[in-house]
Structure formats: C-alpha cells, structure tokens
Amino acid sequence: MIAPVISLAARRSRPEQTCTCVQHRLWDLSDRVREALAVTEGELLVSRETQAGVLEDVLATLAEAVSTRTEAER
C-alpha cells in the first residue's frame, strides 16, 4: 500500500512563530553574525557602519535575552 506524504506545515494558514527562548535567540544571533562575517570575507577593511550594525545586533539581542531570563526563572 502506498500513501502520499503531505507536510502539515503546508496546511497551516500562517507561518510558524519563531521561539523566543534565550537559547534560540542566541542561536539566531550566532547565525546572523556568521552571515555578516561571510559577506565581508576576504576584505581587508570593513566599514565602520557594517561593524557597528553587527555589534548593535549582538548587544541588543543579549540585553533582551538577559532581561527575559529573570522572568523565565520565576
């Protein structure tokens, strides 16, 4: 007997919400930093704006993750 396999994700009306736990936020941050590094691979000089953008993303994500951690531990 053969039956077709249909992903349940295809039947959802809205896309999945991303998890906002600290661990997943930090994994997403790591992916974004690696992508930013890949864009500038092989360059000797990276613009201040590019570097500042990556650092702002890192600092903002860490600040949000730390502020929600105390709420999660309660």
PDB file of N, CA and C in Angstrom:
ATOM      1  N   MET A   1       0.833  -1.163   0.000  1.00  0.00           N
ATOM      2  CA  MET A   1       0.000   0.000   0.000  1.00  0.00           C
ATOM      3  C   MET A   1       0.891   1.243   0.000  1.00  0.00           C
ATOM      4  N   ILE A   2       0.586   2.192  -0.850  1.00  0.00           N
ATOM      5  CA  ILE A   2       1.362   3.424  -0.962  1.00  0.00           C
ATOM      6  C   ILE A   2       0.445   4.602  -0.652  1.00  0.00           C
ATOM      7  N   ALA A   3       0.953   5.530   0.161  1.00  0.00           N
ATOM      8  CA  ALA A   3       0.178   6.722   0.501  1.00  0.00           C
ATOM      9  C   ALA A   3       1.072   7.944   0.357  1.00  0.00           C
ATOM     10  N   PRO A   4       0.535   9.018  -0.205  1.00  0.00           N
ATOM     11  CA  PRO A   4       1.353  10.230  -0.329  1.00  0.00           C
ATOM     12  C   PRO A   4       1.569  10.874   1.042  1.00  0.00           C
ATOM     13  N   VAL A   5       2.714  11.485   1.189  1.00  0.00           N
ATOM     14  CA  VAL A   5       3.041  12.183   2.434  1.00  0.00           C
ATOM     15  C   VAL A   5       2.889  13.671   2.182  1.00  0.00           C
ATOM     16  N   ILE A   6       2.046  14.315   2.981  1.00  0.00           N
ATOM     17  CA  ILE A   6       1.815  15.754   2.849  1.00  0.00           C
ATOM     18  C   ILE A   6       2.236  16.422   4.142  1.00  0.00           C
ATOM     19  N   SER A   7       3.099  17.406   4.019  1.00  0.00           N
ATOM     20  CA  SER A   7       3.569  18.130   5.195  1.00  0.00           C
ATOM     21  C   SER A   7       2.418  18.903   5.824  1.00  0.00           C
ATOM     22  N   LEU A   8       2.309  18.816   7.137  1.00  0.00           N
ATOM     23  CA  LEU A   8       1.271  19.575   7.838  1.00  0.00           C
ATOM     24  C   LEU A   8       1.543  21.077   7.774  1.00  0.00           C
ATOM     25  N   ALA A   9       2.792  21.450   7.613  1.00  0.00           N
ATOM     26  CA  ALA A   9       3.138  22.863   7.515  1.00  0.00           C
ATOM     27  C   ALA A   9       2.474  23.501   6.292  1.00  0.00           C
ATOM     28  N   ALA A  10       2.275  22.724   5.249  1.00  0.00           N
ATOM     29  CA  ALA A  10       1.647  23.247   4.039  1.00  0.00           C
ATOM     30  C   ALA A  10       0.186  23.599   4.269  1.00  0.00           C
ATOM     31  N   ARG A  11      -0.423  22.997   5.252  1.00  0.00           N
ATOM     32  CA  ARG A  11      -1.845  23.237   5.527  1.00  0.00           C
ATOM     33  C   ARG A  11      -2.079  24.383   6.504  1.00  0.00           C
ATOM     34  N   ARG A  12      -1.036  24.889   7.117  1.00  0.00           N
ATOM     35  CA  ARG A  12      -1.180  25.983   8.067  1.00  0.00           C
ATOM     36  C   ARG A  12      -1.473  27.278   7.340  1.00  0.00           C
ATOM     37  N   SER A  13      -2.354  28.063   7.931  1.00  0.00           N
ATOM     38  CA  SER A  13      -2.714  29.332   7.305  1.00  0.00           C
ATOM     39  C   SER A  13      -1.698  30.426   7.588  1.00  0.00           C
ATOM     40  N   ARG A  14      -0.947  30.292   8.666  1.00  0.00           N
ATOM     41  CA  ARG A  14       0.066  31.294   8.991  1.00  0.00           C
ATOM     42  C   ARG A  14       1.383  30.590   9.278  1.00  0.00           C
ATOM     43  N   PRO A  15       2.501  31.255   9.036  1.00  0.00           N
ATOM     44  CA  PRO A  15       3.792  30.613   9.266  1.00  0.00           C
ATOM     45  C   PRO A  15       4.038  30.397  10.769  1.00  0.00           C
ATOM     46  N   GLU A  16       4.924  29.456  11.061  1.00  0.00           N
ATOM     47  CA  GLU A  16       5.251  29.173  12.453  1.00  0.00           C
ATOM     48  C   GLU A  16       5.913  30.381  13.095  1.00  0.00           C
ATOM     49  N   GLN A  17       5.571  30.606  14.342  1.00  0.00           N
ATOM     50  CA  GLN A  17       6.231  31.655  15.106  1.00  0.00           C
ATOM     51  C   GLN A  17       7.583  31.134  15.574  1.00  0.00           C
ATOM     52  N   THR A  18       8.601  31.975  15.505  1.00  0.00           N
ATOM     53  CA  THR A  18       9.908  31.545  15.974  1.00  0.00           C
ATOM     54  C   THR A  18       9.929  31.560  17.488  1.00  0.00           C
ATOM     55  N   CYS A  19      10.661  30.651  18.055  1.00  0.00           N
ATOM     56  CA  CYS A  19      10.769  30.549  19.505  1.00  0.00           C
ATOM     57  C   CYS A  19      11.571  31.732  20.021  1.00  0.00           C
ATOM     58  N   THR A  20      11.142  32.301  21.126  1.00  0.00           N
ATOM     59  CA  THR A  20      11.829  33.463  21.679  1.00  0.00           C
ATOM     60  C   THR A  20      12.567  33.132  22.970  1.00  0.00           C
ATOM     61  N   CYS A  21      12.824  31.843  23.218  1.00  0.00           N
ATOM     62  CA  CYS A  21      13.595  31.494  24.410  1.00  0.00           C
ATOM     63  C   CYS A  21      15.034  31.979  24.228  1.00  0.00           C
ATOM     64  N   VAL A  22      15.745  32.091  25.337  1.00  0.00           N
ATOM     65  CA  VAL A  22      17.113  32.623  25.309  1.00  0.00           C
ATOM     66  C   VAL A  22      18.007  31.793  24.395  1.00  0.00           C
ATOM     67  N   GLN A  23      17.905  30.490  24.490  1.00  0.00           N
ATOM     68  CA  GLN A  23      18.761  29.621  23.679  1.00  0.00           C
ATOM     69  C   GLN A  23      18.545  29.850  22.187  1.00  0.00           C
ATOM     70  N   HIS A  24      17.300  29.897  21.744  1.00  0.00           N
ATOM     71  CA  HIS A  24      17.028  30.099  20.323  1.00  0.00           C
ATOM     72  C   HIS A  24      17.403  31.508  19.872  1.00  0.00           C
ATOM     73  N   ARG A  25      17.206  32.499  20.716  1.00  0.00           N
ATOM     74  CA  ARG A  25      17.634  33.861  20.365  1.00  0.00           C
ATOM     75  C   ARG A  25      19.133  33.921  20.131  1.00  0.00           C
ATOM     76  N   LEU A  26      19.900  33.246  21.000  1.00  0.00           N
ATOM     77  CA  LEU A  26      21.354  33.259  20.847  1.00  0.00           C
ATOM     78  C   LEU A  26      21.796  32.457  19.627  1.00  0.00           C
ATOM     79  N   TRP A  27      21.116  31.367  19.331  1.00  0.00           N
ATOM     80  CA  TRP A  27      21.438  30.621  18.102  1.00  0.00           C
ATOM     81  C   TRP A  27      21.158  31.479  16.873  1.00  0.00           C
ATOM     82  N   ASP A  28      20.026  32.178  16.865  1.00  0.00           N
ATOM     83  CA  ASP A  28      19.707  33.063  15.741  1.00  0.00           C
ATOM     84  C   ASP A  28      20.734  34.175  15.623  1.00  0.00           C
ATOM     85  N   LEU A  29      21.153  34.717  16.755  1.00  0.00           N
ATOM     86  CA  LEU A  29      22.181  35.753  16.756  1.00  0.00           C
ATOM     87  C   LEU A  29      23.473  35.220  16.160  1.00  0.00           C
ATOM     88  N   SER A  30      23.867  34.015  16.557  1.00  0.00           N
ATOM     89  CA  SER A  30      25.088  33.405  16.014  1.00  0.00           C
ATOM     90  C   SER A  30      25.000  33.267  14.502  1.00  0.00           C
ATOM     91  N   ASP A  31      23.850  32.859  14.001  1.00  0.00           N
ATOM     92  CA  ASP A  31      23.658  32.739  12.548  1.00  0.00           C
ATOM     93  C   ASP A  31      23.795  34.091  11.863  1.00  0.00           C
ATOM     94  N   ARG A  32      23.196  35.136  12.451  1.00  0.00           N
ATOM     95  CA  ARG A  32      23.273  36.468  11.846  1.00  0.00           C
ATOM     96  C   ARG A  32      24.702  37.000  11.830  1.00  0.00           C
ATOM     97  N   VAL A  33      25.452  36.757  12.910  1.00  0.00           N
ATOM     98  CA  VAL A  33      26.847  37.212  12.967  1.00  0.00           C
ATOM     99  C   VAL A  33      27.684  36.474  11.928  1.00  0.00           C
ATOM    100  N   ARG A  34      27.467  35.169  11.808  1.00  0.00           N
ATOM    101  CA  ARG A  34      28.215  34.409  10.799  1.00  0.00           C
ATOM    102  C   ARG A  34      27.897  34.879   9.381  1.00  0.00           C
ATOM    103  N   GLU A  35      26.620  35.200   9.134  1.00  0.00           N
ATOM    104  CA  GLU A  35      26.244  35.720   7.813  1.00  0.00           C
ATOM    105  C   GLU A  35      26.929  37.056   7.544  1.00  0.00           C
ATOM    106  N   ALA A  36      26.982  37.919   8.553  1.00  0.00           N
ATOM    107  CA  ALA A  36      27.645  39.213   8.390  1.00  0.00           C
ATOM    108  C   ALA A  36      29.133  39.040   8.126  1.00  0.00           C
ATOM    109  N   LEU A  37      29.750  38.078   8.787  1.00  0.00           N
ATOM    110  CA  LEU A  37      31.169  37.807   8.556  1.00  0.00           C
ATOM    111  C   LEU A  37      31.398  37.243   7.160  1.00  0.00           C
ATOM    112  N   ALA A  38      30.493  36.421   6.685  1.00  0.00           N
ATOM    113  CA  ALA A  38      30.641  35.820   5.357  1.00  0.00           C
ATOM    114  C   ALA A  38      30.585  36.880   4.260  1.00  0.00           C
ATOM    115  N   VAL A  39      29.771  37.917   4.478  1.00  0.00           N
ATOM    116  CA  VAL A  39      29.642  38.984   3.481  1.00  0.00           C
ATOM    117  C   VAL A  39      30.969  39.721   3.298  1.00  0.00           C
ATOM    118  N   THR A  40      31.724  39.866   4.390  1.00  0.00           N
ATOM    119  CA  THR A  40      32.978  40.622   4.324  1.00  0.00           C
ATOM    120  C   THR A  40      34.205  39.722   4.217  1.00  0.00           C
ATOM    121  N   GLU A  41      33.999  38.446   3.943  1.00  0.00           N
ATOM    122  CA  GLU A  41      35.126  37.514   3.849  1.00  0.00           C
ATOM    123  C   GLU A  41      36.080  37.932   2.744  1.00  0.00           C
ATOM    124  N   GLY A  42      37.359  37.939   3.078  1.00  0.00           N
ATOM    125  CA  GLY A  42      38.387  38.279   2.101  1.00  0.00           C
ATOM    126  C   GLY A  42      38.681  39.769   2.007  1.00  0.00           C
ATOM    127  N   GLU A  43      37.890  40.604   2.673  1.00  0.00           N
ATOM    128  CA  GLU A  43      38.129  42.042   2.646  1.00  0.00           C
ATOM    129  C   GLU A  43      39.106  42.413   3.759  1.00  0.00           C
ATOM    130  N   LEU A  44      39.999  43.332   3.445  1.00  0.00           N
ATOM    131  CA  LEU A  44      40.946  43.786   4.460  1.00  0.00           C
ATOM    132  C   LEU A  44      40.332  44.844   5.366  1.00  0.00           C
ATOM    133  N   LEU A  45      39.477  45.660   4.802  1.00  0.00           N
ATOM    134  CA  LEU A  45      38.847  46.724   5.576  1.00  0.00           C
ATOM    135  C   LEU A  45      37.336  46.540   5.554  1.00  0.00           C
ATOM    136  N   VAL A  46      36.742  46.611   6.720  1.00  0.00           N
ATOM    137  CA  VAL A  46      35.291  46.511   6.848  1.00  0.00           C
ATOM    138  C   VAL A  46      34.802  47.867   7.321  1.00  0.00           C
ATOM    139  N   SER A  47      33.744  48.373   6.695  1.00  0.00           N
ATOM    140  CA  SER A  47      33.267  49.708   7.051  1.00  0.00           C
ATOM    141  C   SER A  47      32.797  49.755   8.496  1.00  0.00           C
ATOM    142  N   ARG A  48      32.942  50.916   9.071  1.00  0.00           N
ATOM    143  CA  ARG A  48      32.509  51.130  10.458  1.00  0.00           C
ATOM    144  C   ARG A  48      31.011  50.865  10.597  1.00  0.00           C
ATOM    145  N   GLU A  49      30.229  51.236   9.595  1.00  0.00           N
ATOM    146  CA  GLU A  49      28.780  51.037   9.643  1.00  0.00           C
ATOM    147  C   GLU A  49      28.427  49.549   9.695  1.00  0.00           C
ATOM    148  N   THR A  50      29.138  48.754   8.911  1.00  0.00           N
ATOM    149  CA  THR A  50      28.891  47.313   8.910  1.00  0.00           C
ATOM    150  C   THR A  50      29.225  46.713  10.270  1.00  0.00           C
ATOM    151  N   GLN A  51      30.381  47.069  10.785  1.00  0.00           N
ATOM    152  CA  GLN A  51      30.804  46.555  12.082  1.00  0.00           C
ATOM    153  C   GLN A  51      29.873  47.049  13.188  1.00  0.00           C
ATOM    154  N   ALA A  52      29.478  48.299  13.143  1.00  0.00           N
ATOM    155  CA  ALA A  52      28.575  48.853  14.158  1.00  0.00           C
ATOM    156  C   ALA A  52      27.208  48.171  14.112  1.00  0.00           C
ATOM    157  N   GLY A  53      26.730  47.862  12.916  1.00  0.00           N
ATOM    158  CA  GLY A  53      25.449  47.183  12.786  1.00  0.00           C
ATOM    159  C   GLY A  53      25.458  45.805  13.423  1.00  0.00           C
ATOM    160  N   VAL A  54      26.534  45.068  13.204  1.00  0.00           N
ATOM    161  CA  VAL A  54      26.658  43.730  13.788  1.00  0.00           C
ATOM    162  C   VAL A  54      26.745  43.834  15.313  1.00  0.00           C
ATOM    163  N   LEU A  55      27.549  44.769  15.801  1.00  0.00           N
ATOM    164  CA  LEU A  55      27.693  44.913  17.253  1.00  0.00           C
ATOM    165  C   LEU A  55      26.395  45.369  17.910  1.00  0.00           C
ATOM    166  N   GLU A  56      25.661  46.260  17.277  1.00  0.00           N
ATOM    167  CA  GLU A  56      24.379  46.693  17.829  1.00  0.00           C
ATOM    168  C   GLU A  56      23.399  45.525  17.910  1.00  0.00           C
ATOM    169  N   ASP A  57      23.392  44.683  16.885  1.00  0.00           N
ATOM    170  CA  ASP A  57      22.532  43.500  16.890  1.00  0.00           C
ATOM    171  C   ASP A  57      22.911  42.583  18.052  1.00  0.00           C
ATOM    172  N   VAL A  58      24.206  42.359  18.239  1.00  0.00           N
ATOM    173  CA  VAL A  58      24.680  41.498  19.326  1.00  0.00           C
ATOM    174  C   VAL A  58      24.278  42.069  20.678  1.00  0.00           C
ATOM    175  N   LEU A  59      24.552  43.337  20.892  1.00  0.00           N
ATOM    176  CA  LEU A  59      24.260  43.946  22.189  1.00  0.00           C
ATOM    177  C   LEU A  59      22.762  43.998  22.475  1.00  0.00           C
ATOM    178  N   ALA A  60      21.956  44.318  21.473  1.00  0.00           N
ATOM    179  CA  ALA A  60      20.503  44.372  21.669  1.00  0.00           C
ATOM    180  C   ALA A  60      19.936  42.994  21.973  1.00  0.00           C
ATOM    181  N   THR A  61      20.413  41.981  21.260  1.00  0.00           N
ATOM    182  CA  THR A  61      19.924  40.614  21.496  1.00  0.00           C
ATOM    183  C   THR A  61      20.321  40.132  22.884  1.00  0.00           C
ATOM    184  N   LEU A  62      21.555  40.398  23.290  1.00  0.00           N
ATOM    185  CA  LEU A  62      21.993  39.994  24.624  1.00  0.00           C
ATOM    186  C   LEU A  62      21.198  40.711  25.707  1.00  0.00           C
ATOM    187  N   ALA A  63      20.949  42.002  25.520  1.00  0.00           N
ATOM    188  CA  ALA A  63      20.177  42.758  26.510  1.00  0.00           C
ATOM    189  C   ALA A  63      18.761  42.207  26.647  1.00  0.00           C
ATOM    190  N   GLU A  64      18.128  41.886  25.531  1.00  0.00           N
ATOM    191  CA  GLU A  64      16.774  41.320  25.575  1.00  0.00           C
ATOM    192  C   GLU A  64      16.776  39.939  26.216  1.00  0.00           C
ATOM    193  N   ALA A  65      17.778  39.122  25.891  1.00  0.00           N
ATOM    194  CA  ALA A  65      17.852  37.764  26.442  1.00  0.00           C
ATOM    195  C   ALA A  65      18.066  37.797  27.947  1.00  0.00           C
ATOM    196  N   VAL A  66      18.901  38.691  28.409  1.00  0.00           N
ATOM    197  CA  VAL A  66      19.170  38.788  29.838  1.00  0.00           C
ATOM    198  C   VAL A  66      17.946  39.322  30.574  1.00  0.00           C
ATOM    199  N   SER A  67      17.242  40.260  29.988  1.00  0.00           N
ATOM    200  CA  SER A  67      16.075  40.818  30.669  1.00  0.00           C
ATOM    201  C   SER A  67      14.945  39.804  30.780  1.00  0.00           C
ATOM    202  N   THR A  68      14.836  38.874  29.840  1.00  0.00           N
ATOM    203  CA  THR A  68      13.767  37.874  29.904  1.00  0.00           C
ATOM    204  C   THR A  68      14.174  36.674  30.746  1.00  0.00           C
ATOM    205  N   ARG A  69      15.446  36.505  31.009  1.00  0.00           N
ATOM    206  CA  ARG A  69      15.891  35.340  31.782  1.00  0.00           C
ATOM    207  C   ARG A  69      15.340  35.371  33.205  1.00  0.00           C
ATOM    208  N   THR A  70      15.349  36.522  33.851  1.00  0.00           N
ATOM    209  CA  THR A  70      14.841  36.583  35.222  1.00  0.00           C
ATOM    210  C   THR A  70      13.351  36.282  35.255  1.00  0.00           C
ATOM    211  N   GLU A  71      12.635  36.676  34.221  1.00  0.00           N
ATOM    212  CA  GLU A  71      11.215  36.379  34.140  1.00  0.00           C
ATOM    213  C   GLU A  71      10.985  34.876  33.989  1.00  0.00           C
ATOM    214  N   ALA A  72      11.842  34.211  33.230  1.00  0.00           N
ATOM    215  CA  ALA A  72      11.699  32.770  32.991  1.00  0.00           C
ATOM    216  C   ALA A  72      12.049  31.962  34.237  1.00  0.00           C
ATOM    217  N   GLU A  73      12.945  32.475  35.068  1.00  0.00           N
ATOM    218  CA  GLU A  73      13.368  31.737  36.252  1.00  0.00           C
ATOM    219  C   GLU A  73      12.352  31.820  37.380  1.00  0.00           C
ATOM    220  N   ARG A  74      11.444  32.768  37.329  1.00  0.00           N
ATOM    221  CA  ARG A  74      10.461  32.927  38.411  1.00  0.00           C
ATOM    222  C   ARG A  74       9.501  31.795  38.491  1.00  0.00           C
TER     223      ARG A  74
END
